[in-house]
Amino acid sequence: MSRATRVAIVSTLFASIWALVFFQFFAVPGANKAVVEDIWPLIPWWLLVSFGSYSLGSLGWGLFTFRDCPEAYEELLKEISLAKDDLRSRGVSVD
């Protein structure tokens, strides 16, 4: 089973449970009905904001630590120059 399939199955499961509680087919055990009515509709927005924060944090950390791998940086520059040389030999203008 691929990762995308697992994510789709888990997302569908959680969305189904959320919808069943939201439309009051099931009750949340141990929770006051008024609290569930106030908080439950906000869970998808909270998940969206949390995912966005995580994504921006990961992106920022990746940018912050980009030059922490000098050997990978040098290897990447060599591969870029090899690709440019290959394209130039085939008559493609890369500059």
PDB file of N, CA and C in Angstrom:
ATOM      1  N   MET A   1       0.842  -1.167   0.000  1.00  0.00           N
ATOM      2  CA  MET A   1       0.000   0.000   0.000  1.00  0.00           C
ATOM      3  C   MET A   1       0.893   1.238   0.000  1.00  0.00           C
ATOM      4  N   SER A   2       0.626   2.149  -0.915  1.00  0.00           N
ATOM      5  CA  SER A   2       1.464   3.332  -1.016  1.00  0.00           C
ATOM      6  C   SER A   2       1.111   4.339   0.077  1.00  0.00           C
ATOM      7  N   ARG A   3       1.990   5.291   0.256  1.00  0.00           N
ATOM      8  CA  ARG A   3       1.782   6.311   1.272  1.00  0.00           C
ATOM      9  C   ARG A   3       0.546   7.143   0.959  1.00  0.00           C
ATOM     10  N   ALA A   4       0.332   7.439  -0.315  1.00  0.00           N
ATOM     11  CA  ALA A   4      -0.836   8.227  -0.704  1.00  0.00           C
ATOM     12  C   ALA A   4      -2.132   7.486  -0.386  1.00  0.00           C
ATOM     13  N   THR A   5      -2.132   6.177  -0.574  1.00  0.00           N
ATOM     14  CA  THR A   5      -3.314   5.385  -0.252  1.00  0.00           C
ATOM     15  C   THR A   5      -3.580   5.401   1.242  1.00  0.00           C
ATOM     16  N   ARG A   6      -2.524   5.253   2.039  1.00  0.00           N
ATOM     17  CA  ARG A   6      -2.697   5.305   3.492  1.00  0.00           C
ATOM     18  C   ARG A   6      -3.215   6.655   3.949  1.00  0.00           C
ATOM     19  N   VAL A   7      -2.664   7.724   3.389  1.00  0.00           N
ATOM     20  CA  VAL A   7      -3.123   9.070   3.753  1.00  0.00           C
ATOM     21  C   VAL A   7      -4.579   9.255   3.361  1.00  0.00           C
ATOM     22  N   ALA A   8      -4.961   8.770   2.184  1.00  0.00           N
ATOM     23  CA  ALA A   8      -6.352   8.894   1.739  1.00  0.00           C
ATOM     24  C   ALA A   8      -7.297   8.110   2.651  1.00  0.00           C
ATOM     25  N   ILE A   9      -6.907   6.916   3.055  1.00  0.00           N
ATOM     26  CA  ILE A   9      -7.760   6.099   3.925  1.00  0.00           C
ATOM     27  C   ILE A   9      -7.912   6.742   5.299  1.00  0.00           C
ATOM     28  N   VAL A  10      -6.803   7.175   5.882  1.00  0.00           N
ATOM     29  CA  VAL A  10      -6.860   7.796   7.211  1.00  0.00           C
ATOM     30  C   VAL A  10      -7.643   9.112   7.154  1.00  0.00           C
ATOM     31  N   SER A  11      -7.430   9.904   6.115  1.00  0.00           N
ATOM     32  CA  SER A  11      -8.170  11.168   5.971  1.00  0.00           C
ATOM     33  C   SER A  11      -9.660  10.923   5.816  1.00  0.00           C
ATOM     34  N   THR A  12     -10.022   9.935   5.034  1.00  0.00           N
ATOM     35  CA  THR A  12     -11.438   9.601   4.858  1.00  0.00           C
ATOM     36  C   THR A  12     -12.049   9.123   6.166  1.00  0.00           C
ATOM     37  N   LEU A  13     -11.310   8.326   6.913  1.00  0.00           N
ATOM     38  CA  LEU A  13     -11.797   7.843   8.205  1.00  0.00           C
ATOM     39  C   LEU A  13     -12.046   9.001   9.163  1.00  0.00           C
ATOM     40  N   PHE A  14     -11.065   9.888   9.307  1.00  0.00           N
ATOM     41  CA  PHE A  14     -11.232  11.023  10.217  1.00  0.00           C
ATOM     42  C   PHE A  14     -12.320  11.976   9.741  1.00  0.00           C
ATOM     43  N   ALA A  15     -12.416  12.208   8.445  1.00  0.00           N
ATOM     44  CA  ALA A  15     -13.471  13.078   7.919  1.00  0.00           C
ATOM     45  C   ALA A  15     -14.850  12.478   8.162  1.00  0.00           C
ATOM     46  N   SER A  16     -14.961  11.177   8.028  1.00  0.00           N
ATOM     47  CA  SER A  16     -16.241  10.512   8.282  1.00  0.00           C
ATOM     48  C   SER A  16     -16.637  10.618   9.752  1.00  0.00           C
ATOM     49  N   ILE A  17     -15.696  10.361  10.642  1.00  0.00           N
ATOM     50  CA  ILE A  17     -15.978  10.473  12.078  1.00  0.00           C
ATOM     51  C   ILE A  17     -16.345  11.907  12.431  1.00  0.00           C
ATOM     52  N   TRP A  18     -15.598  12.870  11.882  1.00  0.00           N
ATOM     53  CA  TRP A  18     -15.895  14.279  12.145  1.00  0.00           C
ATOM     54  C   TRP A  18     -17.304  14.626  11.666  1.00  0.00           C
ATOM     55  N   ALA A  19     -17.677  14.189  10.462  1.00  0.00           N
ATOM     56  CA  ALA A  19     -18.998  14.501   9.914  1.00  0.00           C
ATOM     57  C   ALA A  19     -20.108  13.836  10.732  1.00  0.00           C
ATOM     58  N   LEU A  20     -19.893  12.593  11.170  1.00  0.00           N
ATOM     59  CA  LEU A  20     -20.911  11.917  11.969  1.00  0.00           C
ATOM     60  C   LEU A  20     -21.153  12.625  13.297  1.00  0.00           C
ATOM     61  N   VAL A  21     -20.094  13.114  13.924  1.00  0.00           N
ATOM     62  CA  VAL A  21     -20.267  13.856  15.180  1.00  0.00           C
ATOM     63  C   VAL A  21     -20.844  15.234  14.895  1.00  0.00           C
ATOM     64  N   PHE A  22     -20.408  15.878  13.816  1.00  0.00           N
ATOM     65  CA  PHE A  22     -20.892  17.220  13.475  1.00  0.00           C
ATOM     66  C   PHE A  22     -22.394  17.207  13.205  1.00  0.00           C
ATOM     67  N   PHE A  23     -22.864  16.199  12.483  1.00  0.00           N
ATOM     68  CA  PHE A  23     -24.289  16.115  12.168  1.00  0.00           C
ATOM     69  C   PHE A  23     -25.079  15.346  13.233  1.00  0.00           C
ATOM     70  N   GLN A  24     -24.442  15.117  14.375  1.00  0.00           N
ATOM     71  CA  GLN A  24     -25.046  14.555  15.588  1.00  0.00           C
ATOM     72  C   GLN A  24     -25.609  13.147  15.403  1.00  0.00           C
ATOM     73  N   PHE A  25     -24.926  12.320  14.602  1.00  0.00           N
ATOM     74  CA  PHE A  25     -25.275  10.905  14.533  1.00  0.00           C
ATOM     75  C   PHE A  25     -24.650  10.156  15.702  1.00  0.00           C
ATOM     76  N   PHE A  26     -23.503  10.646  16.168  1.00  0.00           N
ATOM     77  CA  PHE A  26     -22.826  10.090  17.327  1.00  0.00           C
ATOM     78  C   PHE A  26     -22.509  11.217  18.288  1.00  0.00           C
ATOM     79  N   ALA A  27     -22.395  10.870  19.565  1.00  0.00           N
ATOM     80  CA  ALA A  27     -22.007  11.845  20.579  1.00  0.00           C
ATOM     81  C   ALA A  27     -20.578  11.550  21.024  1.00  0.00           C
ATOM     82  N   VAL A  28     -19.875  12.592  21.408  1.00  0.00           N
ATOM     83  CA  VAL A  28     -18.522  12.425  21.927  1.00  0.00           C
ATOM     84  C   VAL A  28     -18.649  12.034  23.396  1.00  0.00           C
ATOM     85  N   PRO A  29     -18.141  10.850  23.775  1.00  0.00           N
ATOM     86  CA  PRO A  29     -18.296  10.424  25.169  1.00  0.00           C
ATOM     87  C   PRO A  29     -17.501  11.303  26.124  1.00  0.00           C
ATOM     88  N   GLY A  30     -18.129  11.673  27.213  1.00  0.00           N
ATOM     89  CA  GLY A  30     -17.456  12.455  28.243  1.00  0.00           C
ATOM     90  C   GLY A  30     -17.381  13.934  27.954  1.00  0.00           C
ATOM     91  N   ALA A  31     -18.074  14.423  26.923  1.00  0.00           N
ATOM     92  CA  ALA A  31     -18.020  15.840  26.588  1.00  0.00           C
ATOM     93  C   ALA A  31     -19.426  16.431  26.629  1.00  0.00           C
ATOM     94  N   ASN A  32     -19.498  17.653  27.096  1.00  0.00           N
ATOM     95  CA  ASN A  32     -20.757  18.369  27.141  1.00  0.00           C
ATOM     96  C   ASN A  32     -21.215  18.683  25.718  1.00  0.00           C
ATOM     97  N   LYS A  33     -22.508  18.578  25.444  1.00  0.00           N
ATOM     98  CA  LYS A  33     -23.030  18.795  24.089  1.00  0.00           C
ATOM     99  C   LYS A  33     -22.777  20.235  23.630  1.00  0.00           C
ATOM    100  N   ALA A  34     -22.874  21.195  24.519  1.00  0.00           N
ATOM    101  CA  ALA A  34     -22.644  22.599  24.154  1.00  0.00           C
ATOM    102  C   ALA A  34     -21.182  22.830  23.766  1.00  0.00           C
ATOM    103  N   VAL A  35     -20.276  22.176  24.486  1.00  0.00           N
ATOM    104  CA  VAL A  35     -18.853  22.309  24.166  1.00  0.00           C
ATOM    105  C   VAL A  35     -18.563  21.704  22.799  1.00  0.00           C
ATOM    106  N   VAL A  36     -19.135  20.546  22.522  1.00  0.00           N
ATOM    107  CA  VAL A  36     -18.938  19.897  21.223  1.00  0.00           C
ATOM    108  C   VAL A  36     -19.489  20.775  20.105  1.00  0.00           C
ATOM    109  N   GLU A  37     -20.645  21.399  20.321  1.00  0.00           N
ATOM    110  CA  GLU A  37     -21.235  22.268  19.298  1.00  0.00           C
ATOM    111  C   GLU A  37     -20.398  23.511  19.046  1.00  0.00           C
ATOM    112  N   ASP A  38     -19.681  23.978  20.066  1.00  0.00           N
ATOM    113  CA  ASP A  38     -18.851  25.176  19.903  1.00  0.00           C
ATOM    114  C   ASP A  38     -17.486  24.872  19.297  1.00  0.00           C
ATOM    115  N   ILE A  39     -16.894  23.759  19.685  1.00  0.00           N
ATOM    116  CA  ILE A  39     -15.510  23.466  19.290  1.00  0.00           C
ATOM    117  C   ILE A  39     -15.418  22.560  18.066  1.00  0.00           C
ATOM    118  N   TRP A  40     -16.285  21.607  17.938  1.00  0.00           N
ATOM    119  CA  TRP A  40     -16.176  20.600  16.874  1.00  0.00           C
ATOM    120  C   TRP A  40     -16.133  21.207  15.471  1.00  0.00           C
ATOM    121  N   PRO A  41     -16.935  22.218  15.136  1.00  0.00           N
ATOM    122  CA  PRO A  41     -16.861  22.781  13.776  1.00  0.00           C
ATOM    123  C   PRO A  41     -15.527  23.456  13.466  1.00  0.00           C
ATOM    124  N   LEU A  42     -14.756  23.806  14.472  1.00  0.00           N
ATOM    125  CA  LEU A  42     -13.488  24.503  14.260  1.00  0.00           C
ATOM    126  C   LEU A  42     -12.301  23.571  14.055  1.00  0.00           C
ATOM    127  N   ILE A  43     -12.484  22.277  14.257  1.00  0.00           N
ATOM    128  CA  ILE A  43     -11.374  21.327  14.139  1.00  0.00           C
ATOM    129  C   ILE A  43     -10.744  21.325  12.744  1.00  0.00           C
ATOM    130  N   PRO A  44     -11.510  21.336  11.633  1.00  0.00           N
ATOM    131  CA  PRO A  44     -10.847  21.370  10.318  1.00  0.00           C
ATOM    132  C   PRO A  44      -9.987  22.622  10.115  1.00  0.00           C
ATOM    133  N   TRP A  45     -10.453  23.760  10.600  1.00  0.00           N
ATOM    134  CA  TRP A  45      -9.659  24.992  10.469  1.00  0.00           C
ATOM    135  C   TRP A  45      -8.397  24.914  11.310  1.00  0.00           C
ATOM    136  N   TRP A  46      -8.514  24.336  12.499  1.00  0.00           N
ATOM    137  CA  TRP A  46      -7.353  24.175  13.357  1.00  0.00           C
ATOM    138  C   TRP A  46      -6.321  23.260  12.685  1.00  0.00           C
ATOM    139  N   LEU A  47      -6.790  22.176  12.072  1.00  0.00           N
ATOM    140  CA  LEU A  47      -5.876  21.268  11.360  1.00  0.00           C
ATOM    141  C   LEU A  47      -5.216  21.974  10.174  1.00  0.00           C
ATOM    142  N   LEU A  48      -5.982  22.785   9.448  1.00  0.00           N
ATOM    143  CA  LEU A  48      -5.428  23.515   8.309  1.00  0.00           C
ATOM    144  C   LEU A  48      -4.367  24.515   8.753  1.00  0.00           C
ATOM    145  N   VAL A  49      -4.647  25.252   9.811  1.00  0.00           N
ATOM    146  CA  VAL A  49      -3.673  26.222  10.326  1.00  0.00           C
ATOM    147  C   VAL A  49      -2.439  25.510  10.868  1.00  0.00           C
ATOM    148  N   SER A  50      -2.636  24.382  11.553  1.00  0.00           N
ATOM    149  CA  SER A  50      -1.495  23.623  12.080  1.00  0.00           C
ATOM    150  C   SER A  50      -0.623  23.090  10.953  1.00  0.00           C
ATOM    151  N   PHE A  51      -1.248  22.563   9.905  1.00  0.00           N
ATOM    152  CA  PHE A  51      -0.479  22.060   8.768  1.00  0.00           C
ATOM    153  C   PHE A  51       0.273  23.190   8.073  1.00  0.00           C
ATOM    154  N   GLY A  52      -0.365  24.342   7.907  1.00  0.00           N
ATOM    155  CA  GLY A  52       0.313  25.490   7.298  1.00  0.00           C
ATOM    156  C   GLY A  52       1.487  25.964   8.129  1.00  0.00           C
ATOM    157  N   SER A  53       1.318  25.997   9.441  1.00  0.00           N
ATOM    158  CA  SER A  53       2.414  26.402  10.322  1.00  0.00           C
ATOM    159  C   SER A  53       3.573  25.417  10.247  1.00  0.00           C
ATOM    160  N   TYR A  54       3.253  24.138  10.248  1.00  0.00           N
ATOM    161  CA  TYR A  54       4.292  23.119  10.132  1.00  0.00           C
ATOM    162  C   TYR A  54       5.027  23.245   8.795  1.00  0.00           C
ATOM    163  N   SER A  55       4.279  23.463   7.716  1.00  0.00           N
ATOM    164  CA  SER A  55       4.892  23.574   6.391  1.00  0.00           C
ATOM    165  C   SER A  55       5.813  24.780   6.313  1.00  0.00           C
ATOM    166  N   LEU A  56       5.341  25.930   6.806  1.00  0.00           N
ATOM    167  CA  LEU A  56       6.188  27.128   6.787  1.00  0.00           C
ATOM    168  C   LEU A  56       7.406  26.965   7.688  1.00  0.00           C
ATOM    169  N   GLY A  57       7.232  26.323   8.823  1.00  0.00           N
ATOM    170  CA  GLY A  57       8.369  26.072   9.706  1.00  0.00           C
ATOM    171  C   GLY A  57       9.399  25.158   9.064  1.00  0.00           C
ATOM    172  N   SER A  58       8.926  24.112   8.392  1.00  0.00           N
ATOM    173  CA  SER A  58       9.849  23.198   7.709  1.00  0.00           C
ATOM    174  C   SER A  58      10.587  23.900   6.573  1.00  0.00           C
ATOM    175  N   LEU A  59       9.873  24.717   5.843  1.00  0.00           N
ATOM    176  CA  LEU A  59      10.492  25.471   4.758  1.00  0.00           C
ATOM    177  C   LEU A  59      11.526  26.449   5.292  1.00  0.00           C
ATOM    178  N   GLY A  60      11.185  27.156   6.347  1.00  0.00           N
ATOM    179  CA  GLY A  60      12.130  28.099   6.955  1.00  0.00           C
ATOM    180  C   GLY A  60      13.357  27.405   7.501  1.00  0.00           C
ATOM    181  N   TRP A  61      13.171  26.273   8.152  1.00  0.00           N
ATOM    182  CA  TRP A  61      14.318  25.537   8.693  1.00  0.00           C
ATOM    183  C   TRP A  61      15.210  25.030   7.569  1.00  0.00           C
ATOM    184  N   GLY A  62      14.591  24.579   6.478  1.00  0.00           N
ATOM    185  CA  GLY A  62      15.373  24.121   5.333  1.00  0.00           C
ATOM    186  C   GLY A  62      16.198  25.250   4.720  1.00  0.00           C
ATOM    187  N   LEU A  63      15.612  26.424   4.648  1.00  0.00           N
ATOM    188  CA  LEU A  63      16.363  27.576   4.135  1.00  0.00           C
ATOM    189  C   LEU A  63      17.461  27.999   5.095  1.00  0.00           C
ATOM    190  N   PHE A  64      17.190  27.918   6.383  1.00  0.00           N
ATOM    191  CA  PHE A  64      18.163  28.317   7.388  1.00  0.00           C
ATOM    192  C   PHE A  64      19.372  27.388   7.406  1.00  0.00           C
ATOM    193  N   THR A  65      19.164  26.112   7.190  1.00  0.00           N
ATOM    194  CA  THR A  65      20.257  25.135   7.270  1.00  0.00           C
ATOM    195  C   THR A  65      20.760  24.708   5.899  1.00  0.00           C
ATOM    196  N   PHE A  66      20.446  25.457   4.848  1.00  0.00           N
ATOM    197  CA  PHE A  66      20.816  25.049   3.491  1.00  0.00           C
ATOM    198  C   PHE A  66      22.323  24.944   3.314  1.00  0.00           C
ATOM    199  N   ARG A  67      23.069  25.858   3.841  1.00  0.00           N
ATOM    200  CA  ARG A  67      24.523  25.856   3.636  1.00  0.00           C
ATOM    201  C   ARG A  67      25.263  25.067   4.715  1.00  0.00           C
ATOM    202  N   ASP A  68      24.564  24.266   5.487  1.00  0.00           N
ATOM    203  CA  ASP A  68      25.217  23.442   6.498  1.00  0.00           C
ATOM    204  C   ASP A  68      25.865  22.200   5.912  1.00  0.00           C
ATOM    205  N   CYS A  69      25.664  21.966   4.624  1.00  0.00           N
ATOM    206  CA  CYS A  69      26.220  20.791   3.961  1.00  0.00           C
ATOM    207  C   CYS A  69      27.114  21.253   2.818  1.00  0.00           C
ATOM    208  N   PRO A  70      28.328  21.698   3.102  1.00  0.00           N
ATOM    209  CA  PRO A  70      29.171  22.246   2.039  1.00  0.00           C
ATOM    210  C   PRO A  70      29.525  21.224   0.962  1.00  0.00           C
ATOM    211  N   GLU A  71      29.676  19.950   1.333  1.00  0.00           N
ATOM    212  CA  GLU A  71      30.006  18.946   0.317  1.00  0.00           C
ATOM    213  C   GLU A  71      28.822  18.720  -0.628  1.00  0.00           C
ATOM    214  N   ALA A  72      27.624  18.753  -0.109  1.00  0.00           N
ATOM    215  CA  ALA A  72      26.447  18.615  -0.976  1.00  0.00           C
ATOM    216  C   ALA A  72      26.295  19.845  -1.865  1.00  0.00           C
ATOM    217  N   TYR A  73      26.618  21.008  -1.325  1.00  0.00           N
ATOM    218  CA  TYR A  73      26.560  22.243  -2.098  1.00  0.00           C
ATOM    219  C   TYR A  73      27.549  22.192  -3.256  1.00  0.00           C
ATOM    220  N   GLU A  74      28.775  21.757  -2.976  1.00  0.00           N
ATOM    221  CA  GLU A  74      29.792  21.661  -4.028  1.00  0.00           C
ATOM    222  C   GLU A  74      29.402  20.614  -5.069  1.00  0.00           C
ATOM    223  N   GLU A  75      28.872  19.494  -4.628  1.00  0.00           N
ATOM    224  CA  GLU A  75      28.444  18.446  -5.554  1.00  0.00           C
ATOM    225  C   GLU A  75      27.322  18.957  -6.455  1.00  0.00           C
ATOM    226  N   LEU A  76      26.404  19.699  -5.889  1.00  0.00           N
ATOM    227  CA  LEU A  76      25.310  20.258  -6.683  1.00  0.00           C
ATOM    228  C   LEU A  76      25.833  21.245  -7.720  1.00  0.00           C
ATOM    229  N   LEU A  77      26.791  22.075  -7.345  1.00  0.00           N
ATOM    230  CA  LEU A  77      27.377  23.023  -8.304  1.00  0.00           C
ATOM    231  C   LEU A  77      28.100  22.288  -9.435  1.00  0.00           C
ATOM    232  N   LYS A  78      28.802  21.181  -9.110  1.00  0.00           N
ATOM    233  CA  LYS A  78      29.475  20.399 -10.151  1.00  0.00           C
ATOM    234  C   LYS A  78      28.470  19.780 -11.107  1.00  0.00           C
ATOM    235  N   GLU A  79      27.367  19.250 -10.569  1.00  0.00           N
ATOM    236  CA  GLU A  79      26.337  18.659 -11.430  1.00  0.00           C
ATOM    237  C   GLU A  79      25.692  19.707 -12.326  1.00  0.00           C
ATOM    238  N   ILE A  80      25.510  20.909 -11.811  1.00  0.00           N
ATOM    239  CA  ILE A  80      24.943  21.987 -12.622  1.00  0.00           C
ATOM    240  C   ILE A  80      25.884  22.350 -13.758  1.00  0.00           C
ATOM    241  N   SER A  81      27.182  22.459 -13.465  1.00  0.00           N
ATOM    242  CA  SER A  81      28.129  22.808 -14.530  1.00  0.00           C
ATOM    243  C   SER A  81      28.256  21.670 -15.541  1.00  0.00           C
ATOM    244  N   LEU A  82      28.183  20.407 -15.106  1.00  0.00           N
ATOM    245  CA  LEU A  82      28.200  19.294 -16.053  1.00  0.00           C
ATOM    246  C   LEU A  82      26.966  19.328 -16.960  1.00  0.00           C
ATOM    247  N   ALA A  83      25.818  19.630 -16.390  1.00  0.00           N
ATOM    248  CA  ALA A  83      24.595  19.709 -17.189  1.00  0.00           C
ATOM    249  C   ALA A  83      24.677  20.853 -18.190  1.00  0.00           C
ATOM    250  N   LYS A  84      25.226  21.989 -17.755  1.00  0.00           N
ATOM    251  CA  LYS A  84      25.387  23.122 -18.677  1.00  0.00           C
ATOM    252  C   LYS A  84      26.341  22.774 -19.811  1.00  0.00           C
ATOM    253  N   ASP A  85      27.460  22.112 -19.477  1.00  0.00           N
ATOM    254  CA  ASP A  85      28.415  21.714 -20.513  1.00  0.00           C
ATOM    255  C   ASP A  85      27.778  20.743 -21.504  1.00  0.00           C
ATOM    256  N   ASP A  86      26.997  19.806 -20.999  1.00  0.00           N
ATOM    257  CA  ASP A  86      26.310  18.851 -21.867  1.00  0.00           C
ATOM    258  C   ASP A  86      25.332  19.567 -22.791  1.00  0.00           C
ATOM    259  N   LEU A  87      24.586  20.520 -22.254  1.00  0.00           N
ATOM    260  CA  LEU A  87      23.638  21.257 -23.087  1.00  0.00           C
ATOM    261  C   LEU A  87      24.353  22.118 -24.124  1.00  0.00           C
ATOM    262  N   ARG A  88      25.473  22.723 -23.730  1.00  0.00           N
ATOM    263  CA  ARG A  88      26.245  23.535 -24.686  1.00  0.00           C
ATOM    264  C   ARG A  88      26.779  22.674 -25.825  1.00  0.00           C
ATOM    265  N   SER A  89      27.211  21.448 -25.500  1.00  0.00           N
ATOM    266  CA  SER A  89      27.729  20.559 -26.547  1.00  0.00           C
ATOM    267  C   SER A  89      26.636  20.150 -27.525  1.00  0.00           C
ATOM    268  N   ARG A  90      25.393  20.220 -27.089  1.00  0.00           N
ATOM    269  CA  ARG A  90      24.266  19.885 -27.974  1.00  0.00           C
ATOM    270  C   ARG A  90      23.695  21.104 -28.679  1.00  0.00           C
ATOM    271  N   GLY A  91      24.321  22.282 -28.445  1.00  0.00           N
ATOM    272  CA  GLY A  91      23.907  23.481 -29.149  1.00  0.00           C
ATOM    273  C   GLY A  91      22.803  24.288 -28.468  1.00  0.00           C
ATOM    274  N   VAL A  92      22.568  24.032 -27.188  1.00  0.00           N
ATOM    275  CA  VAL A  92      21.552  24.769 -26.460  1.00  0.00           C
ATOM    276  C   VAL A  92      22.208  25.916 -25.696  1.00  0.00           C
ATOM    277  N   SER A  93      21.640  27.107 -25.807  1.00  0.00           N
ATOM    278  CA  SER A  93      22.161  28.270 -25.075  1.00  0.00           C
ATOM    279  C   SER A  93      21.614  28.262 -23.661  1.00  0.00           C
ATOM    280  N   VAL A  94      22.482  28.204 -22.670  1.00  0.00           N
ATOM    281  CA  VAL A  94      22.054  28.139 -21.278  1.00  0.00           C
ATOM    282  C   VAL A  94      22.389  29.403 -20.490  1.00  0.00           C
ATOM    283  N   ASP A  95      23.113  30.327 -21.083  1.00  0.00           N
ATOM    284  CA  ASP A  95      23.481  31.558 -20.343  1.00  0.00           C
ATOM    285  C   ASP A  95      22.600  32.713 -20.728  1.00  0.00           C
TER     286      ASP A  95
END
